[in-house]
Amino acid sequence: VAARGRQFDDVAVKIVGASPTAAPVDAGKAR
């Protein structure tokens, strides 16, 4: 599932046209 999530991120970067600026925030800490 994590590998598939990284594939999604790669495609999302191409679709959105921007790369993530930072690593995803740990959901347990920021949300």
Full PDB file with SEQRES, HELIX, SHEET, SSBOND, CRYST1, ORIGX, SCALE, CONECT and MASTER records, all heavy atoms in Angstrom:
SEQRES   1 A   31  VAL ALA ALA ARG GLY ARG GLN PHE ASP ASP VAL ALA VAL          
SEQRES   2 A   31  LYS ILE VAL GLY ALA SER PRO THR ALA ALA PRO VAL ASP          
SEQRES   3 A   31  ALA GLY LYS ALA ARG                                          
HELIX    1 AA1 ALA A    2  VAL A   16  1                                  15    
HELIX    2 AA2 ALA A   27  ALA A   30  1                                   4    
CRYST1    1.000    1.000    1.000  90.00  90.00  90.00 P 1           1          
ORIGX1      1.000000  0.000000  0.000000        0.00000                         
ORIGX2      0.000000  1.000000  0.000000        0.00000                         
ORIGX3      0.000000  0.000000  1.000000        0.00000                         
SCALE1      1.000000  0.000000  0.000000        0.00000                         
SCALE2      0.000000  1.000000  0.000000        0.00000                         
SCALE3      0.000000  0.000000  1.000000        0.00000                         
ATOM      1  N   VAL A   1       0.840  -1.201   0.000  1.00  0.00           N  
ATOM      2  CA  VAL A   1       0.000   0.000   0.000  1.00  0.00           C  
ATOM      3  C   VAL A   1       0.879   1.257   0.000  1.00  0.00           C  
ATOM      4  O   VAL A   1       0.595   2.222  -0.719  1.00  0.00           O  
ATOM      5  CB  VAL A   1      -0.976  -0.012   1.201  1.00  0.00           C  
ATOM      6  CG1 VAL A   1      -1.686   1.324   1.355  1.00  0.00           C  
ATOM      7  CG2 VAL A   1      -1.985  -1.145   1.039  1.00  0.00           C  
ATOM      8  N   ALA A   2       1.967   1.244   0.764  1.00  0.00           N  
ATOM      9  CA  ALA A   2       2.878   2.395   0.784  1.00  0.00           C  
ATOM     10  C   ALA A   2       3.509   2.598  -0.585  1.00  0.00           C  
ATOM     11  O   ALA A   2       3.628   3.743  -1.064  1.00  0.00           O  
ATOM     12  CB  ALA A   2       3.950   2.209   1.852  1.00  0.00           C  
ATOM     13  N   ALA A   3       3.918   1.500  -1.234  1.00  0.00           N  
ATOM     14  CA  ALA A   3       4.502   1.603  -2.579  1.00  0.00           C  
ATOM     15  C   ALA A   3       3.487   2.179  -3.561  1.00  0.00           C  
ATOM     16  O   ALA A   3       3.823   3.028  -4.395  1.00  0.00           O  
ATOM     17  CB  ALA A   3       4.988   0.234  -3.048  1.00  0.00           C  
ATOM     18  N   ARG A   4       2.249   1.742  -3.455  1.00  0.00           N  
ATOM     19  CA  ARG A   4       1.204   2.267  -4.347  1.00  0.00           C  
ATOM     20  C   ARG A   4       0.947   3.737  -4.054  1.00  0.00           C  
ATOM     21  O   ARG A   4       0.679   4.525  -4.954  1.00  0.00           O  
ATOM     22  CB  ARG A   4      -0.083   1.449  -4.176  1.00  0.00           C  
ATOM     23  CG  ARG A   4      -1.194   1.887  -5.098  1.00  0.00           C  
ATOM     24  CD  ARG A   4      -0.795   1.736  -6.580  1.00  0.00           C  
ATOM     25  NE  ARG A   4      -1.826   2.203  -7.460  1.00  0.00           N  
ATOM     26  CZ  ARG A   4      -1.902   3.430  -7.980  1.00  0.00           C  
ATOM     27  NH1 ARG A   4      -0.970   4.343  -7.697  1.00  0.00           N  
ATOM     28  NH2 ARG A   4      -2.881   3.770  -8.787  1.00  0.00           N  
ATOM     29  N   GLY A   5       1.045   4.131  -2.788  1.00  0.00           N  
ATOM     30  CA  GLY A   5       0.897   5.548  -2.421  1.00  0.00           C  
ATOM     31  C   GLY A   5       1.987   6.395  -3.050  1.00  0.00           C  
ATOM     32  O   GLY A   5       1.721   7.519  -3.513  1.00  0.00           O  
ATOM     33  N   ARG A   6       3.207   5.868  -3.087  1.00  0.00           N  
ATOM     34  CA  ARG A   6       4.304   6.610  -3.737  1.00  0.00           C  
ATOM     35  C   ARG A   6       4.061   6.728  -5.238  1.00  0.00           C  
ATOM     36  O   ARG A   6       4.337   7.775  -5.838  1.00  0.00           O  
ATOM     37  CB  ARG A   6       5.638   5.931  -3.440  1.00  0.00           C  
ATOM     38  CG  ARG A   6       6.091   6.124  -1.980  1.00  0.00           C  
ATOM     39  CD  ARG A   6       7.507   5.617  -1.723  1.00  0.00           C  
ATOM     40  NE  ARG A   6       7.634   4.179  -1.893  1.00  0.00           N  
ATOM     41  CZ  ARG A   6       7.353   3.265  -0.957  1.00  0.00           C  
ATOM     42  NH1 ARG A   6       6.915   3.654   0.237  1.00  0.00           N  
ATOM     43  NH2 ARG A   6       7.513   1.978  -1.201  1.00  0.00           N  
ATOM     44  N   GLN A   7       3.525   5.679  -5.855  1.00  0.00           N  
ATOM     45  CA  GLN A   7       3.173   5.762  -7.280  1.00  0.00           C  
ATOM     46  C   GLN A   7       2.113   6.842  -7.508  1.00  0.00           C  
ATOM     47  O   GLN A   7       2.206   7.612  -8.467  1.00  0.00           O  
ATOM     48  CB  GLN A   7       2.635   4.419  -7.776  1.00  0.00           C  
ATOM     49  CG  GLN A   7       3.666   3.338  -7.920  1.00  0.00           C  
ATOM     50  CD  GLN A   7       3.023   2.015  -8.314  1.00  0.00           C  
ATOM     51  OE1 GLN A   7       1.804   1.846  -8.272  1.00  0.00           O  
ATOM     52  NE2 GLN A   7       3.870   1.068  -8.701  1.00  0.00           N  
ATOM     53  N   PHE A   8       1.121   6.883  -6.631  1.00  0.00           N  
ATOM     54  CA  PHE A   8       0.092   7.911  -6.734  1.00  0.00           C  
ATOM     55  C   PHE A   8       0.719   9.296  -6.635  1.00  0.00           C  
ATOM     56  O   PHE A   8       0.388  10.189  -7.424  1.00  0.00           O  
ATOM     57  CB  PHE A   8      -0.968   7.732  -5.636  1.00  0.00           C  
ATOM     58  CG  PHE A   8      -1.999   8.826  -5.651  1.00  0.00           C  
ATOM     59  CD1 PHE A   8      -3.127   8.726  -6.447  1.00  0.00           C  
ATOM     60  CD2 PHE A   8      -1.842   9.973  -4.874  1.00  0.00           C  
ATOM     61  CE1 PHE A   8      -4.074   9.736  -6.467  1.00  0.00           C  
ATOM     62  CE2 PHE A   8      -2.780  10.985  -4.891  1.00  0.00           C  
ATOM     63  CZ  PHE A   8      -3.901  10.871  -5.688  1.00  0.00           C  
ATOM     64  N   ASP A   9       1.638   9.492  -5.655  1.00  0.00           N  
ATOM     65  CA  ASP A   9       2.305  10.785  -5.494  1.00  0.00           C  
ATOM     66  C   ASP A   9       3.042  11.183  -6.761  1.00  0.00           C  
ATOM     67  O   ASP A   9       2.997  12.348  -7.176  1.00  0.00           O  
ATOM     68  CB  ASP A   9       3.282  10.754  -4.310  1.00  0.00           C  
ATOM     69  CG  ASP A   9       2.569  10.764  -2.969  1.00  0.00           C  
ATOM     70  OD1 ASP A   9       1.377  11.142  -2.915  1.00  0.00           O  
ATOM     71  OD2 ASP A   9       3.218  10.380  -1.969  1.00  0.00           O  
ATOM     72  N   ASP A  10       3.736  10.221  -7.385  1.00  0.00           N  
ATOM     73  CA  ASP A  10       4.475  10.508  -8.618  1.00  0.00           C  
ATOM     74  C   ASP A  10       3.535  10.993  -9.717  1.00  0.00           C  
ATOM     75  O   ASP A  10       3.835  11.963 -10.422  1.00  0.00           O  
ATOM     76  CB  ASP A  10       5.249   9.265  -9.086  1.00  0.00           C  
ATOM     77  CG  ASP A  10       6.389   8.891  -8.153  1.00  0.00           C  
ATOM     78  OD1 ASP A  10       6.797   9.744  -7.321  1.00  0.00           O  
ATOM     79  OD2 ASP A  10       6.863   7.735  -8.239  1.00  0.00           O  
ATOM     80  N   VAL A  11       2.415  10.328  -9.883  1.00  0.00           N  
ATOM     81  CA  VAL A  11       1.448  10.722 -10.908  1.00  0.00           C  
ATOM     82  C   VAL A  11       0.789  12.053 -10.525  1.00  0.00           C  
ATOM     83  O   VAL A  11       0.597  12.924 -11.385  1.00  0.00           O  
ATOM     84  CB  VAL A  11       0.384   9.617 -11.120  1.00  0.00           C  
ATOM     85  CG1 VAL A  11      -0.727  10.089 -12.042  1.00  0.00           C  
ATOM     86  CG2 VAL A  11       1.030   8.357 -11.668  1.00  0.00           C  
ATOM     87  N   ALA A  12       0.474  12.241  -9.246  1.00  0.00           N  
ATOM     88  CA  ALA A  12      -0.165  13.480  -8.795  1.00  0.00           C  
ATOM     89  C   ALA A  12       0.738  14.681  -9.057  1.00  0.00           C  
ATOM     90  O   ALA A  12       0.256  15.754  -9.434  1.00  0.00           O  
ATOM     91  CB  ALA A  12      -0.519  13.389  -7.313  1.00  0.00           C  
ATOM     92  N   VAL A  13       2.046  14.505  -8.879  1.00  0.00           N  
ATOM     93  CA  VAL A  13       2.989  15.593  -9.151  1.00  0.00           C  
ATOM     94  C   VAL A  13       2.893  15.997 -10.622  1.00  0.00           C  
ATOM     95  O   VAL A  13       2.889  17.186 -10.956  1.00  0.00           O  
ATOM     96  CB  VAL A  13       4.437  15.174  -8.783  1.00  0.00           C  
ATOM     97  CG1 VAL A  13       5.459  16.127  -9.377  1.00  0.00           C  
ATOM     98  CG2 VAL A  13       4.588  15.095  -7.277  1.00  0.00           C  
ATOM     99  N   LYS A  14       2.787  15.023 -11.516  1.00  0.00           N  
ATOM    100  CA  LYS A  14       2.668  15.314 -12.953  1.00  0.00           C  
ATOM    101  C   LYS A  14       1.340  16.003 -13.276  1.00  0.00           C  
ATOM    102  O   LYS A  14       1.288  16.908 -14.099  1.00  0.00           O  
ATOM    103  CB  LYS A  14       2.810  14.029 -13.760  1.00  0.00           C  
ATOM    104  CG  LYS A  14       4.188  13.431 -13.687  1.00  0.00           C  
ATOM    105  CD  LYS A  14       4.239  12.104 -14.400  1.00  0.00           C  
ATOM    106  CE  LYS A  14       5.604  11.451 -14.169  1.00  0.00           C  
ATOM    107  NZ  LYS A  14       5.651  10.093 -14.700  1.00  0.00           N  
ATOM    108  N   ILE A  15       0.270  15.583 -12.629  1.00  0.00           N  
ATOM    109  CA  ILE A  15      -1.056  16.148 -12.889  1.00  0.00           C  
ATOM    110  C   ILE A  15      -1.170  17.556 -12.332  1.00  0.00           C  
ATOM    111  O   ILE A  15      -1.635  18.479 -13.012  1.00  0.00           O  
ATOM    112  CB  ILE A  15      -2.159  15.251 -12.293  1.00  0.00           C  
ATOM    113  CG1 ILE A  15      -2.211  13.917 -13.036  1.00  0.00           C  
ATOM    114  CG2 ILE A  15      -3.525  15.948 -12.331  1.00  0.00           C  
ATOM    115  CD1 ILE A  15      -3.103  12.875 -12.384  1.00  0.00           C  
ATOM    116  N   VAL A  16      -0.734  17.736 -11.088  1.00  0.00           N  
ATOM    117  CA  VAL A  16      -0.876  19.023 -10.416  1.00  0.00           C  
ATOM    118  C   VAL A  16       0.187  20.008 -10.889  1.00  0.00           C  
ATOM    119  O   VAL A  16      -0.027  21.219 -10.897  1.00  0.00           O  
ATOM    120  CB  VAL A  16      -0.833  18.843  -8.874  1.00  0.00           C  
ATOM    121  CG1 VAL A  16      -0.831  20.162  -8.146  1.00  0.00           C  
ATOM    122  CG2 VAL A  16      -2.004  17.983  -8.429  1.00  0.00           C  
ATOM    123  N   GLY A  17       1.337  19.497 -11.284  1.00  0.00           N  
ATOM    124  CA  GLY A  17       2.396  20.362 -11.774  1.00  0.00           C  
ATOM    125  C   GLY A  17       3.272  20.926 -10.680  1.00  0.00           C  
ATOM    126  O   GLY A  17       3.979  21.896 -10.895  1.00  0.00           O  
ATOM    127  N   ALA A  18       3.207  20.375  -9.518  1.00  0.00           N  
ATOM    128  CA  ALA A  18       4.052  20.844  -8.421  1.00  0.00           C  
ATOM    129  C   ALA A  18       4.513  19.636  -7.628  1.00  0.00           C  
ATOM    130  O   ALA A  18       3.793  18.670  -7.469  1.00  0.00           O  
ATOM    131  CB  ALA A  18       3.271  21.784  -7.505  1.00  0.00           C  
ATOM    132  N   SER A  19       5.727  19.732  -7.153  1.00  0.00           N  
ATOM    133  CA  SER A  19       6.205  18.618  -6.331  1.00  0.00           C  
ATOM    134  C   SER A  19       5.970  18.959  -4.862  1.00  0.00           C  
ATOM    135  O   SER A  19       5.926  20.123  -4.485  1.00  0.00           O  
ATOM    136  CB  SER A  19       7.686  18.376  -6.594  1.00  0.00           C  
ATOM    137  OG  SER A  19       8.434  19.509  -6.218  1.00  0.00           O  
ATOM    138  N   PRO A  20       5.831  17.932  -4.054  1.00  0.00           N  
ATOM    139  CA  PRO A  20       5.654  18.198  -2.622  1.00  0.00           C  
ATOM    140  C   PRO A  20       6.874  18.957  -2.082  1.00  0.00           C  
ATOM    141  O   PRO A  20       8.001  18.622  -2.398  1.00  0.00           O  
ATOM    142  CB  PRO A  20       5.549  16.806  -2.004  1.00  0.00           C  
ATOM    143  CG  PRO A  20       5.298  15.867  -3.138  1.00  0.00           C  
ATOM    144  CD  PRO A  20       5.833  16.529  -4.368  1.00  0.00           C  
ATOM    145  N   THR A  21       6.643  19.986  -1.291  1.00  0.00           N  
ATOM    146  CA  THR A  21       7.741  20.803  -0.767  1.00  0.00           C  
ATOM    147  C   THR A  21       8.369  20.190   0.464  1.00  0.00           C  
ATOM    148  O   THR A  21       9.497  20.489   0.792  1.00  0.00           O  
ATOM    149  CB  THR A  21       7.246  22.225  -0.420  1.00  0.00           C  
ATOM    150  OG1 THR A  21       6.178  22.102   0.516  1.00  0.00           O  
ATOM    151  CG2 THR A  21       6.784  22.947  -1.660  1.00  0.00           C  
ATOM    152  N   ALA A  22       7.617  19.352   1.164  1.00  0.00           N  
ATOM    153  CA  ALA A  22       8.145  18.720   2.359  1.00  0.00           C  
ATOM    154  C   ALA A  22       7.533  17.342   2.492  1.00  0.00           C  
ATOM    155  O   ALA A  22       6.517  17.028   1.871  1.00  0.00           O  
ATOM    156  CB  ALA A  22       7.801  19.551   3.599  1.00  0.00           C  
ATOM    157  N   ALA A  23       8.133  16.556   3.308  1.00  0.00           N  
ATOM    158  CA  ALA A  23       7.592  15.226   3.564  1.00  0.00           C  
ATOM    159  C   ALA A  23       6.206  15.375   4.184  1.00  0.00           C  
ATOM    160  O   ALA A  23       5.942  16.357   4.882  1.00  0.00           O  
ATOM    161  CB  ALA A  23       8.511  14.460   4.502  1.00  0.00           C  
ATOM    162  N   PRO A  24       5.325  14.418   3.919  1.00  0.00           N  
ATOM    163  CA  PRO A  24       3.995  14.510   4.510  1.00  0.00           C  
ATOM    164  C   PRO A  24       4.082  14.608   6.037  1.00  0.00           C  
ATOM    165  O   PRO A  24       4.925  13.978   6.655  1.00  0.00           O  
ATOM    166  CB  PRO A  24       3.314  13.202   4.097  1.00  0.00           C  
ATOM    167  CG  PRO A  24       4.131  12.659   2.971  1.00  0.00           C  
ATOM    168  CD  PRO A  24       5.509  13.226   3.128  1.00  0.00           C  
ATOM    169  N   VAL A  25       3.219  15.421   6.600  1.00  0.00           N  
ATOM    170  CA  VAL A  25       3.190  15.610   8.046  1.00  0.00           C  
ATOM    171  C   VAL A  25       2.539  14.384   8.676  1.00  0.00           C  
ATOM    172  O   VAL A  25       1.550  13.872   8.167  1.00  0.00           O  
ATOM    173  CB  VAL A  25       2.389  16.884   8.392  1.00  0.00           C  
ATOM    174  CG1 VAL A  25       2.320  17.087   9.888  1.00  0.00           C  
ATOM    175  CG2 VAL A  25       3.015  18.083   7.719  1.00  0.00           C  
ATOM    176  N   ASP A  26       3.106  13.915   9.771  1.00  0.00           N  
ATOM    177  CA  ASP A  26       2.547  12.775  10.483  1.00  0.00           C  
ATOM    178  C   ASP A  26       1.153  13.145  10.967  1.00  0.00           C  
ATOM    179  O   ASP A  26       0.975  14.107  11.717  1.00  0.00           O  
ATOM    180  CB  ASP A  26       3.451  12.414  11.666  1.00  0.00           C  
ATOM    181  CG  ASP A  26       2.942  11.209  12.449  1.00  0.00           C  
ATOM    182  OD1 ASP A  26       1.924  10.603  12.034  1.00  0.00           O  
ATOM    183  OD2 ASP A  26       3.568  10.883  13.463  1.00  0.00           O  
ATOM    184  N   ALA A  27       0.150  12.377  10.533  1.00  0.00           N  
ATOM    185  CA  ALA A  27      -1.241  12.689  10.866  1.00  0.00           C  
ATOM    186  C   ALA A  27      -1.474  12.724  12.370  1.00  0.00           C  
ATOM    187  O   ALA A  27      -2.306  13.459  12.857  1.00  0.00           O  
ATOM    188  CB  ALA A  27      -2.180  11.664  10.221  1.00  0.00           C  
ATOM    189  N   GLY A  28      -0.750  11.938  13.108  1.00  0.00           N  
ATOM    190  CA  GLY A  28      -0.932  11.907  14.552  1.00  0.00           C  
ATOM    191  C   GLY A  28      -0.422  13.161  15.239  1.00  0.00           C  
ATOM    192  O   GLY A  28      -0.787  13.454  16.360  1.00  0.00           O  
ATOM    193  N   LYS A  29       0.444  13.906  14.565  1.00  0.00           N  
ATOM    194  CA  LYS A  29       1.013  15.105  15.200  1.00  0.00           C  
ATOM    195  C   LYS A  29       0.322  16.398  14.764  1.00  0.00           C  
ATOM    196  O   LYS A  29       0.239  17.331  15.520  1.00  0.00           O  
ATOM    197  CB  LYS A  29       2.504  15.218  14.871  1.00  0.00           C  
ATOM    198  CG  LYS A  29       3.324  14.118  15.521  1.00  0.00           C  
ATOM    199  CD  LYS A  29       4.781  14.271  15.187  1.00  0.00           C  
ATOM    200  CE  LYS A  29       5.603  13.162  15.820  1.00  0.00           C  
ATOM    201  NZ  LYS A  29       6.984  13.172  15.390  1.00  0.00           N  
ATOM    202  N   ALA A  30      -0.150  16.439  13.519  1.00  0.00           N  
ATOM    203  CA  ALA A  30      -0.652  17.716  13.016  1.00  0.00           C  
ATOM    204  C   ALA A  30      -2.143  17.736  12.777  1.00  0.00           C  
ATOM    205  O   ALA A  30      -2.690  18.770  12.514  1.00  0.00           O  
ATOM    206  CB  ALA A  30       0.061  18.062  11.715  1.00  0.00           C  
ATOM    207  N   ARG A  31      -2.774  16.607  12.835  1.00  0.00           N  
ATOM    208  CA  ARG A  31      -4.207  16.589  12.582  1.00  0.00           C  
ATOM    209  C   ARG A  31      -4.919  15.947  13.755  1.00  0.00           C  
ATOM    210  O   ARG A  31      -4.388  15.073  14.402  1.00  0.00           O  
ATOM    211  CB  ARG A  31      -4.506  15.792  11.306  1.00  0.00           C  
ATOM    212  CG  ARG A  31      -4.047  16.534  10.082  1.00  0.00           C  
ATOM    213  CD  ARG A  31      -4.839  16.058   8.884  1.00  0.00           C  
ATOM    214  NE  ARG A  31      -4.559  16.920   7.767  1.00  0.00           N  
ATOM    215  CZ  ARG A  31      -3.763  16.590   6.772  1.00  0.00           C  
ATOM    216  NH1 ARG A  31      -3.181  15.422   6.734  1.00  0.00           N  
ATOM    217  NH2 ARG A  31      -3.558  17.434   5.787  1.00  0.00           N  
TER     218      ARG A  31                                                      
MASTER        0    0    0    2    0    0    0    6  217    1    0    3          
END                                                                             
